[in-house]
Amino acid sequence: MRNCIILSLLILQHTSFNSQIISDYSDPEHWVISPKHDTSLHAAYISDTTLLAYADVFYVYPTVFTDKKYKDWNVSIDNTEQKQKTRKVTRLQASAWSEAGRMYAPYYTQAHLRSYTNLETGGKVALLKAYSDVKKAFEYYLENFNQGRPLILAGHSQGATHIMLLLKDFFDGKKLQKQLICAYMPGVAVKKDEFKTITMLTNPTDVGGFVSWNTFKRRYKTKKYKDWYKGSAVINPVTWDLSSYAKRSQHKGFLFWDENMYKQSFSTHLVDGAVWISIPHVPFRSLSVAMKDYHIGDVNLFWEDIRINAKDRVNAFKQRELAKRRNN
């Protein structure tokens, strides 16, 4: 659990970090997606526009800065190669939430993948520098776009780390918490008592809290699982509760890299701090046999499950607010 302890220190120390931030979020080129900038990355996945007038989604993409040829700890927000990678990942991932509200997704000076395994020797500073951009983008969003609308936060891996820090800075015990529908944070270890007033949601239409999961091959206990995820908060992202098992027939759909949807692709098992799945029924299925964990697919494995659940939670939030008004 040493890695979890170091990451917890990162979270505790983030408020004292100072960084010279140069990213300007009034510049359309610094947004992957926003309604007033580029919507083309996720427009193809929107068939139901009902909720776009009601709620917003603020999405932070996962680590795409992974090439070992780079020695820098952070990549420029204007790096063309990284932007291309980001757009591809965002199209496949963020689209899962594209019908739940207007989408906002900023570029940021992302930390290199090695930051997580070298937190004490440069990684912590790199991750906090990346978060400085995400925080500035979120502040720009609040000031210029939100207008009191209900909000979903979503991020994967490094993106989920930054969503966790946003929850601490802007929502936990603060006025903005009243606007929180749900924070989706797959691909990172979240302690069950991570927040003072924000709790893990354990029913599919609960609102005002967070959900998290990490995906591994069934019955495979890796060192990564033991060091990073064991003991962390986790729900079953097929049933959206604490069900220990979901049959393959319950799985809604895996958006594969060929951009086709594969329904009823695998069974899901909830274990301590993680989700184990059977080998997905997709093309080139044999290639996944050698994989020890499915971290890269934490979102896409459950793409259709997320799409449906996000809309359900927005509708539940909407109904709750209407009931409050009727009773006042």
Protein backbone atom coordinates (compact mmCIF):
# COMPACT_ATOMS: atom_id res chain seq x y z
CA MET A 1 0.00 0.00 0.00
CA ARG A 2 3.06 2.31 -0.07
CA ASN A 3 2.05 3.88 -3.39
CA CYS A 4 -1.40 4.71 -2.01
CA ILE A 5 0.19 6.43 0.99
CA ILE A 6 2.41 8.59 -1.21
CA LEU A 7 -0.53 9.52 -3.44
CA SER A 8 -2.52 10.48 -0.34
CA LEU A 9 0.30 12.84 0.63
CA LEU A 10 0.07 14.40 -2.82
CA ILE A 11 -3.63 15.05 -2.25
CA LEU A 12 -3.06 16.49 1.21
CA GLN A 13 -0.28 18.83 0.04
CA HIS A 14 -1.90 20.14 -3.14
CA THR A 15 -3.29 23.31 -1.56
CA SER A 16 0.22 24.55 -0.71
CA PHE A 17 1.56 24.08 -4.24
CA ASN A 18 2.35 27.18 -6.29
CA SER A 19 2.88 27.06 -10.05
CA GLN A 20 3.28 29.71 -12.69
CA ILE A 21 0.26 28.94 -14.85
CA ILE A 22 0.41 30.14 -18.44
CA SER A 23 -2.57 28.32 -19.95
CA ASP A 24 -5.31 30.71 -21.04
CA TYR A 25 -8.75 29.12 -21.09
CA SER A 26 -10.34 32.03 -22.91
CA ASP A 27 -8.41 30.62 -25.89
CA PRO A 28 -10.60 28.11 -27.82
CA GLU A 29 -7.46 26.12 -28.69
CA HIS A 30 -7.08 25.17 -25.04
CA TRP A 31 -10.36 23.24 -24.96
CA VAL A 32 -10.76 19.75 -26.41
CA ILE A 33 -14.55 20.14 -26.17
CA SER A 34 -16.93 22.90 -25.15
CA PRO A 35 -20.24 24.03 -26.62
CA LYS A 36 -18.73 27.36 -27.69
CA HIS A 37 -15.59 25.76 -29.06
CA ASP A 38 -15.26 22.29 -30.64
CA THR A 39 -18.15 19.84 -30.31
CA SER A 40 -17.21 17.59 -33.22
CA LEU A 41 -15.37 15.03 -31.07
CA HIS A 42 -18.50 13.80 -29.34
CA ALA A 43 -21.40 15.07 -31.48
CA ALA A 44 -21.58 11.77 -33.39
CA TYR A 45 -22.48 9.95 -30.17
CA ILE A 46 -25.39 12.23 -29.23
CA SER A 47 -28.81 10.95 -30.28
CA ASP A 48 -30.75 12.24 -27.26
CA THR A 49 -30.32 15.98 -26.62
CA THR A 50 -32.97 16.23 -23.87
CA LEU A 51 -30.55 16.78 -20.98
CA LEU A 52 -28.12 19.11 -22.74
CA ALA A 53 -30.30 22.06 -21.77
CA TYR A 54 -30.25 21.06 -18.10
CA ALA A 55 -26.85 19.76 -16.94
CA ASP A 56 -23.11 20.04 -17.67
CA VAL A 57 -20.29 17.51 -17.78
CA PHE A 58 -16.70 18.51 -16.94
CA TYR A 59 -14.36 15.77 -18.22
CA VAL A 60 -10.60 15.37 -17.68
CA TYR A 61 -8.79 12.92 -19.97
CA PRO A 62 -6.33 10.22 -18.79
CA THR A 63 -2.57 10.06 -19.30
CA VAL A 64 -1.58 10.24 -22.97
CA PHE A 65 1.95 11.55 -22.24
CA THR A 66 3.61 8.14 -22.02
CA ASP A 67 6.46 7.93 -24.54
CA LYS A 68 9.77 7.12 -22.83
CA LYS A 69 11.66 9.28 -25.34
CA TYR A 70 10.46 12.36 -23.44
CA LYS A 71 12.52 13.32 -20.39
CA ASP A 72 10.27 16.22 -19.36
CA TRP A 73 7.88 15.70 -16.47
CA ASN A 74 5.09 17.72 -18.12
CA VAL A 75 4.04 18.26 -21.73
CA SER A 76 3.08 21.64 -23.18
CA ILE A 77 -0.63 22.31 -23.57
CA ASP A 78 0.13 23.25 -27.20
CA ASN A 79 2.08 20.09 -28.11
CA THR A 80 0.57 18.95 -31.43
CA GLU A 81 1.37 15.25 -31.00
CA GLN A 82 -0.19 15.13 -27.55
CA LYS A 83 -3.25 17.02 -28.76
CA GLN A 84 -3.84 14.40 -31.44
CA LYS A 85 -3.64 11.60 -28.86
CA THR A 86 -5.92 13.52 -26.53
CA ARG A 87 -8.59 14.02 -29.17
CA LYS A 88 -8.65 10.29 -29.96
CA VAL A 89 -8.93 9.25 -26.31
CA THR A 90 -11.53 11.93 -25.59
CA ARG A 91 -13.71 10.89 -28.52
CA LEU A 92 -13.83 7.31 -27.24
CA GLN A 93 -14.09 8.06 -23.52
CA ALA A 94 -15.88 11.35 -22.89
CA SER A 95 -18.58 10.38 -25.36
CA ALA A 96 -19.95 8.01 -22.69
CA TRP A 97 -21.26 11.11 -20.87
CA SER A 98 -22.17 13.07 -24.01
CA GLU A 99 -25.95 12.75 -23.59
CA ALA A 100 -25.92 13.65 -19.88
CA GLY A 101 -25.15 17.35 -20.37
CA ARG A 102 -23.17 19.98 -22.21
CA MET A 103 -19.57 18.79 -22.41
CA TYR A 104 -16.48 20.70 -21.29
CA ALA A 105 -13.01 19.12 -21.60
CA PRO A 106 -9.85 21.24 -21.26
CA TYR A 107 -6.35 20.50 -22.48
CA TYR A 108 -3.79 20.72 -19.65
CA THR A 109 -0.04 20.49 -19.07
CA GLN A 110 -0.24 16.80 -18.36
CA ALA A 111 2.21 14.93 -16.15
CA HIS A 112 4.17 12.06 -17.70
CA LEU A 113 3.03 8.51 -16.90
CA ARG A 114 6.20 7.88 -14.84
CA SER A 115 5.01 10.52 -12.35
CA TYR A 116 2.89 7.91 -10.57
CA THR A 117 5.83 5.58 -9.95
CA ASN A 118 8.25 8.37 -9.09
CA LEU A 119 6.13 10.56 -6.85
CA GLU A 120 8.95 11.36 -4.45
CA THR A 121 11.50 12.30 -7.15
CA GLY A 122 9.53 14.65 -9.39
CA GLY A 123 6.19 12.99 -10.00
CA LYS A 124 4.31 14.82 -7.26
CA VAL A 125 5.39 18.24 -8.56
CA ALA A 126 4.48 17.22 -12.13
CA LEU A 127 1.00 16.06 -11.12
CA LEU A 128 0.36 19.21 -9.11
CA LYS A 129 1.50 21.33 -12.04
CA ALA A 130 -0.97 19.47 -14.25
CA TYR A 131 -3.71 20.00 -11.68
CA SER A 132 -2.99 23.73 -11.63
CA ASP A 133 -4.15 23.86 -15.25
CA VAL A 134 -7.23 21.72 -14.60
CA LYS A 135 -8.15 23.94 -11.67
CA LYS A 136 -7.77 27.08 -13.74
CA ALA A 137 -9.90 25.59 -16.52
CA PHE A 138 -12.60 24.66 -14.01
CA GLU A 139 -12.56 28.17 -12.54
CA TYR A 140 -12.94 29.60 -16.05
CA TYR A 141 -15.83 27.20 -16.68
CA LEU A 142 -17.59 28.24 -13.46
CA GLU A 143 -17.20 31.94 -14.19
CA ASN A 144 -18.17 31.82 -17.86
CA PHE A 145 -20.39 28.80 -18.52
CA ASN A 146 -21.96 27.09 -15.51
CA GLN A 147 -24.65 29.62 -14.48
CA GLY A 148 -25.83 27.44 -11.60
CA ARG A 149 -26.42 24.30 -13.69
CA PRO A 150 -26.17 20.78 -12.16
CA LEU A 151 -22.84 19.15 -12.89
CA ILE A 152 -21.24 15.77 -13.55
CA LEU A 153 -17.48 15.46 -13.06
CA ALA A 154 -15.77 12.66 -14.99
CA GLY A 155 -12.18 11.59 -15.43
CA HIS A 156 -10.09 8.46 -15.86
CA SER A 157 -6.69 7.61 -14.37
CA GLN A 158 -4.72 10.90 -14.17
CA GLY A 159 -7.97 12.62 -15.08
CA ALA A 160 -9.63 10.99 -12.06
CA THR A 161 -6.79 12.19 -9.82
CA HIS A 162 -7.53 15.76 -10.90
CA ILE A 163 -11.28 15.27 -10.44
CA MET A 164 -10.56 14.10 -6.88
CA LEU A 165 -8.67 17.35 -6.20
CA LEU A 166 -11.46 19.44 -7.76
CA LEU A 167 -13.92 17.78 -5.38
CA LYS A 168 -11.74 18.76 -2.43
CA ASP A 169 -11.21 22.34 -3.58
CA PHE A 170 -14.68 23.22 -4.85
CA PHE A 171 -17.30 20.77 -3.53
CA ASP A 172 -16.45 19.01 -0.26
CA GLY A 173 -18.48 20.85 2.37
CA LYS A 174 -18.84 23.85 0.06
CA LYS A 175 -21.82 25.57 -1.59
CA LEU A 176 -21.12 24.02 -5.01
CA GLN A 177 -21.77 20.55 -3.60
CA LYS A 178 -25.50 21.26 -4.02
CA GLN A 179 -24.98 21.22 -7.81
CA LEU A 180 -23.05 17.92 -7.89
CA ILE A 181 -24.88 15.10 -9.64
CA CYS A 182 -22.04 12.57 -9.56
CA ALA A 183 -18.25 12.40 -9.85
CA TYR A 184 -17.13 9.40 -11.93
CA MET A 185 -13.52 8.51 -11.01
CA PRO A 186 -12.47 5.17 -12.53
CA GLY A 187 -8.82 4.17 -12.74
CA VAL A 188 -7.57 5.64 -9.47
CA ALA A 189 -7.62 4.50 -5.86
CA VAL A 190 -10.12 6.55 -3.84
CA LYS A 191 -10.25 5.98 -0.10
CA LYS A 192 -13.70 5.28 1.31
CA ASP A 193 -13.31 8.26 3.66
CA GLU A 194 -11.47 10.47 1.15
CA PHE A 195 -13.88 13.37 1.60
CA LYS A 196 -15.49 15.04 4.58
CA THR A 197 -19.04 15.32 3.22
CA ILE A 198 -19.01 13.56 -0.17
CA THR A 199 -19.77 9.84 -0.04
CA MET A 200 -19.60 6.92 -2.46
CA LEU A 201 -22.92 6.33 -4.21
CA THR A 202 -24.11 2.74 -3.89
CA ASN A 203 -27.39 2.87 -5.80
CA PRO A 204 -27.78 3.59 -9.54
CA THR A 205 -29.88 6.74 -9.16
CA ASP A 206 -28.20 8.24 -6.08
CA VAL A 207 -26.79 11.74 -6.58
CA GLY A 208 -24.45 14.12 -4.78
CA GLY A 209 -21.47 11.80 -4.39
CA PHE A 210 -18.85 9.79 -6.29
CA VAL A 211 -18.31 6.38 -7.89
CA SER A 212 -15.02 4.64 -8.63
CA TRP A 213 -13.74 1.32 -9.95
CA ASN A 214 -10.58 -0.34 -11.29
CA THR A 215 -10.77 -3.24 -13.73
CA PHE A 216 -8.70 -6.43 -13.63
CA LYS A 217 -8.81 -9.86 -15.19
CA ARG A 218 -10.91 -12.25 -13.12
CA ARG A 219 -9.05 -13.93 -10.25
CA TYR A 220 -5.78 -12.22 -11.19
CA LYS A 221 -4.14 -10.46 -8.23
CA THR A 222 -1.30 -8.33 -9.53
CA LYS A 223 1.24 -6.37 -7.51
CA LYS A 224 -0.36 -3.25 -8.98
CA TYR A 225 -3.68 -4.28 -7.47
CA LYS A 226 -2.14 -4.86 -4.05
CA ASP A 227 -0.04 -1.66 -4.07
CA TRP A 228 -2.59 0.75 -5.51
CA TYR A 229 -6.18 -0.43 -5.32
CA LYS A 230 -6.76 -3.03 -2.58
CA GLY A 231 -8.98 -1.54 0.12
CA SER A 232 -10.17 1.44 -1.93
CA ALA A 233 -13.76 2.47 -2.65
CA VAL A 234 -15.38 0.53 -5.50
CA ILE A 235 -18.82 -0.11 -6.99
CA ASN A 236 -19.92 -2.53 -9.68
CA PRO A 237 -20.21 -0.40 -12.86
CA VAL A 238 -22.81 -2.72 -14.38
CA THR A 239 -25.31 -2.68 -11.50
CA TRP A 240 -24.03 0.60 -9.95
CA ASP A 241 -24.29 -0.86 -6.47
CA LEU A 242 -22.30 -3.26 -4.28
CA SER A 243 -23.48 -6.41 -6.05
CA SER A 244 -20.70 -8.97 -5.88
CA TYR A 245 -21.57 -10.38 -9.30
CA ALA A 246 -23.25 -9.25 -12.51
CA LYS A 247 -23.97 -11.81 -15.21
CA ARG A 248 -22.69 -11.31 -18.72
CA SER A 249 -26.28 -10.77 -19.88
CA GLN A 250 -26.47 -7.67 -17.63
CA HIS A 251 -23.54 -5.91 -19.29
CA LYS A 252 -24.88 -3.05 -21.46
CA GLY A 253 -21.97 -2.51 -23.84
CA PHE A 254 -18.21 -2.21 -24.49
CA LEU A 255 -17.22 0.50 -27.01
CA PHE A 256 -14.23 -1.24 -28.59
CA TRP A 257 -11.31 0.42 -30.37
CA ASP A 258 -12.99 -0.34 -33.71
CA GLU A 259 -15.76 1.99 -32.42
CA ASN A 260 -18.33 -0.81 -32.51
CA MET A 261 -20.45 -1.62 -29.47
CA TYR A 262 -20.23 -5.14 -28.01
CA LYS A 263 -23.10 -5.90 -25.66
CA GLN A 264 -23.19 -8.67 -23.06
CA SER A 265 -19.44 -8.95 -23.42
CA PHE A 266 -18.32 -10.15 -19.97
CA SER A 267 -19.39 -10.96 -16.41
CA THR A 268 -18.40 -8.65 -13.56
CA HIS A 269 -17.15 -9.55 -10.08
CA LEU A 270 -16.75 -7.04 -7.27
CA VAL A 271 -13.73 -7.63 -5.01
CA ASP A 272 -11.88 -5.60 -2.39
CA GLY A 273 -10.99 -2.31 -4.12
CA ALA A 274 -11.43 -3.52 -7.70
CA VAL A 275 -13.66 -5.11 -10.32
CA TRP A 276 -12.72 -8.40 -11.95
CA ILE A 277 -14.21 -9.26 -15.34
CA SER A 278 -14.15 -12.31 -17.55
CA ILE A 279 -12.30 -12.10 -20.88
CA PRO A 280 -14.42 -9.79 -23.11
CA HIS A 281 -16.16 -11.26 -26.14
CA VAL A 282 -14.75 -8.94 -28.83
CA PRO A 283 -12.68 -9.30 -32.03
CA PHE A 284 -9.10 -10.46 -31.40
CA ARG A 285 -10.28 -11.79 -28.05
CA SER A 286 -7.14 -13.90 -27.76
CA LEU A 287 -5.00 -10.76 -27.39
CA SER A 288 -6.68 -9.88 -24.09
CA VAL A 289 -5.76 -13.26 -22.61
CA ALA A 290 -2.22 -12.00 -21.95
CA MET A 291 -3.38 -8.80 -20.26
CA LYS A 292 -3.06 -8.76 -16.47
CA ASP A 293 -5.35 -5.81 -15.88
CA TYR A 294 -7.73 -3.75 -17.96
CA HIS A 295 -6.89 -0.30 -16.66
CA ILE A 296 -6.74 1.15 -20.17
CA GLY A 297 -10.38 0.13 -20.68
CA ASP A 298 -11.90 1.25 -17.36
CA VAL A 299 -14.30 3.56 -19.23
CA ASN A 300 -14.79 1.88 -22.59
CA LEU A 301 -15.45 -1.56 -21.11
CA PHE A 302 -18.53 -0.03 -19.47
CA TRP A 303 -19.26 2.69 -22.06
CA GLU A 304 -22.96 1.91 -22.56
CA ASP A 305 -23.44 1.23 -18.84
CA ILE A 306 -22.02 4.68 -18.11
CA ARG A 307 -24.10 6.38 -20.81
CA ILE A 308 -27.34 5.01 -19.37
CA ASN A 309 -26.38 5.56 -15.74
CA ALA A 310 -25.24 9.16 -16.25
CA LYS A 311 -28.60 10.03 -17.82
CA ASP A 312 -30.46 8.20 -15.04
CA ARG A 313 -28.61 10.20 -12.40
CA VAL A 314 -29.26 13.51 -14.14
CA ASN A 315 -32.96 12.69 -14.36
CA ALA A 316 -32.98 11.65 -10.68
CA PHE A 317 -31.31 14.93 -9.72
CA LYS A 318 -33.84 16.85 -11.82
CA GLN A 319 -36.78 15.10 -10.19
CA ARG A 320 -35.34 15.72 -6.74
CA GLU A 321 -34.99 19.44 -7.43
CA LEU A 322 -38.55 19.64 -8.81
CA ALA A 323 -39.85 17.92 -5.68
CA LYS A 324 -38.01 20.43 -3.49
CA ARG A 325 -39.63 23.33 -5.33
CA ARG A 326 -43.09 21.82 -4.99
CA ASN A 327 -42.59 21.38 -1.26
CA ASN A 328 -41.36 24.95 -0.67
